[in-house]
Structures are given as structure tokens and as C-alpha cells.
Amino acid sequence: MAAGKKAAGAAAAKYGRDELVRQARALLRVSEDAAAGALSGLDREELTVAEAKQAIQQFLRRRVS
């Protein structure tokens, strides 16, 4: 049980944008196109899966004129 708490407190792994786009369906449950569009506008090269999911959700929910 202590090991589970220790693992949860560890820093989350960061992945490059290209890797996240290639693995979009498995990691983020979106198409590669959606991931590429959402992550292309970011100024960071590496993100955690949670950060990528948040960026994609914001991208998909934004209003289109």
C-alpha cells in the first residue's frame, strides 16, 4: 500500500508532442488529427498525458465563428 502512495506522488512522465500525436488513440482517446491540431499551438515540446488531455479538451470545446 505504501508503494502505491509513493508511485502516485511521483512526477508524471512527459512525452514529446510528436509521440503524443502518434499515440493519440491509445493515450488520449482522440484522433491523431485532433491531437495534432490541439498540440500544435502550444509553446512546450513536452507534456504529461494529463496536460495533453486538458489542451485537447480546450481545443475541442472552443467556439468556431
C-alpha atoms as a PDB file:
ATOM      1  CA  MET A   1       0.000   0.000   0.000  1.00  0.00           C
ATOM      2  CA  ALA A   2       2.860   2.366   0.744  1.00  0.00           C
ATOM      3  CA  ALA A   3       4.283   1.682  -2.703  1.00  0.00           C
ATOM      4  CA  GLY A   4       1.019   2.816  -4.311  1.00  0.00           C
ATOM      5  CA  LYS A   5       1.098   6.110  -2.456  1.00  0.00           C
ATOM      6  CA  LYS A   6       4.742   6.594  -3.370  1.00  0.00           C
ATOM      7  CA  ALA A   7       4.036   5.951  -7.060  1.00  0.00           C
ATOM      8  CA  ALA A   8       1.098   8.350  -7.049  1.00  0.00           C
ATOM      9  CA  GLY A   9       3.283  11.113  -5.660  1.00  0.00           C
ATOM     10  CA  ALA A  10       5.989  10.617  -8.279  1.00  0.00           C
ATOM     11  CA  ALA A  11       6.315  13.112 -11.110  1.00  0.00           C
ATOM     12  CA  ALA A  12       4.262  12.233 -14.182  1.00  0.00           C
ATOM     13  CA  ALA A  13       6.162  11.219 -17.298  1.00  0.00           C
ATOM     14  CA  LYS A  14       6.441  13.804 -20.054  1.00  0.00           C
ATOM     15  CA  TYR A  15       6.204  12.979 -23.735  1.00  0.00           C
ATOM     16  CA  GLY A  16       7.078  14.920 -26.858  1.00  0.00           C
ATOM     17  CA  ARG A  17       4.248  16.353 -28.928  1.00  0.00           C
ATOM     18  CA  ASP A  18       5.038  14.024 -31.835  1.00  0.00           C
ATOM     19  CA  GLU A  19       4.864  10.963 -29.583  1.00  0.00           C
ATOM     20  CA  LEU A  20       1.540  12.101 -28.118  1.00  0.00           C
ATOM     21  CA  VAL A  21       0.115  12.603 -31.615  1.00  0.00           C
ATOM     22  CA  ARG A  22       1.304   9.156 -32.754  1.00  0.00           C
ATOM     23  CA  GLN A  23      -0.235   7.526 -29.673  1.00  0.00           C
ATOM     24  CA  ALA A  24      -3.340   9.748 -29.566  1.00  0.00           C
ATOM     25  CA  ARG A  25      -5.906   6.962 -29.826  1.00  0.00           C
ATOM     26  CA  ALA A  26      -4.338   4.833 -27.078  1.00  0.00           C
ATOM     27  CA  LEU A  27      -3.323   7.557 -24.614  1.00  0.00           C
ATOM     28  CA  LEU A  28      -5.764  10.384 -25.263  1.00  0.00           C
ATOM     29  CA  ARG A  29      -8.724   8.638 -26.933  1.00  0.00           C
ATOM     30  CA  VAL A  30      -8.907  11.124 -29.789  1.00  0.00           C
ATOM     31  CA  SER A  31      -7.867  11.001 -33.431  1.00  0.00           C
ATOM     32  CA  GLU A  32      -4.334  11.866 -34.461  1.00  0.00           C
ATOM     33  CA  ASP A  33      -5.725  14.889 -36.323  1.00  0.00           C
ATOM     34  CA  ALA A  34      -7.441  16.264 -33.218  1.00  0.00           C
ATOM     35  CA  ALA A  35      -4.301  15.773 -31.145  1.00  0.00           C
ATOM     36  CA  ALA A  36      -2.109  17.393 -33.795  1.00  0.00           C
ATOM     37  CA  GLY A  37      -4.385  20.417 -34.047  1.00  0.00           C
ATOM     38  CA  ALA A  38      -4.655  20.886 -30.303  1.00  0.00           C
ATOM     39  CA  LEU A  39      -0.977  20.417 -29.522  1.00  0.00           C
ATOM     40  CA  SER A  40       0.445  22.364 -32.464  1.00  0.00           C
ATOM     41  CA  GLY A  41      -0.400  25.728 -30.919  1.00  0.00           C
ATOM     42  CA  LEU A  42       1.390  25.041 -27.642  1.00  0.00           C
ATOM     43  CA  ASP A  43       4.768  26.552 -26.864  1.00  0.00           C
ATOM     44  CA  ARG A  44       6.009  23.485 -24.966  1.00  0.00           C
ATOM     45  CA  GLU A  45       7.652  20.497 -26.623  1.00  0.00           C
ATOM     46  CA  GLU A  46       6.958  18.031 -23.791  1.00  0.00           C
ATOM     47  CA  LEU A  47       3.722  17.463 -21.881  1.00  0.00           C
ATOM     48  CA  THR A  48       2.271  14.953 -19.490  1.00  0.00           C
ATOM     49  CA  VAL A  49      -0.719  12.923 -20.631  1.00  0.00           C
ATOM     50  CA  ALA A  50      -2.943  14.963 -18.302  1.00  0.00           C
ATOM     51  CA  GLU A  51      -1.677  18.252 -19.761  1.00  0.00           C
ATOM     52  CA  ALA A  52      -2.248  16.952 -23.290  1.00  0.00           C
ATOM     53  CA  LYS A  53      -5.791  15.830 -22.426  1.00  0.00           C
ATOM     54  CA  GLN A  54      -6.563  19.252 -20.984  1.00  0.00           C
ATOM     55  CA  ALA A  55      -5.207  21.043 -24.072  1.00  0.00           C
ATOM     56  CA  ILE A  56      -7.215  18.771 -26.367  1.00  0.00           C
ATOM     57  CA  GLN A  57     -10.442  19.308 -24.409  1.00  0.00           C
ATOM     58  CA  GLN A  58      -9.983  23.082 -24.597  1.00  0.00           C
ATOM     59  CA  PHE A  59      -9.304  22.798 -28.332  1.00  0.00           C
ATOM     60  CA  LEU A  60     -12.389  20.668 -28.967  1.00  0.00           C
ATOM     61  CA  ARG A  61     -14.702  22.873 -26.874  1.00  0.00           C
ATOM     62  CA  ARG A  62     -13.709  26.256 -28.273  1.00  0.00           C
ATOM     63  CA  ARG A  63     -16.267  28.175 -30.262  1.00  0.00           C
ATOM     64  CA  VAL A  64     -15.955  28.362 -34.008  1.00  0.00           C
ATOM     65  CA  SER A  65     -17.088  31.534 -35.744  1.00  0.00           C
END
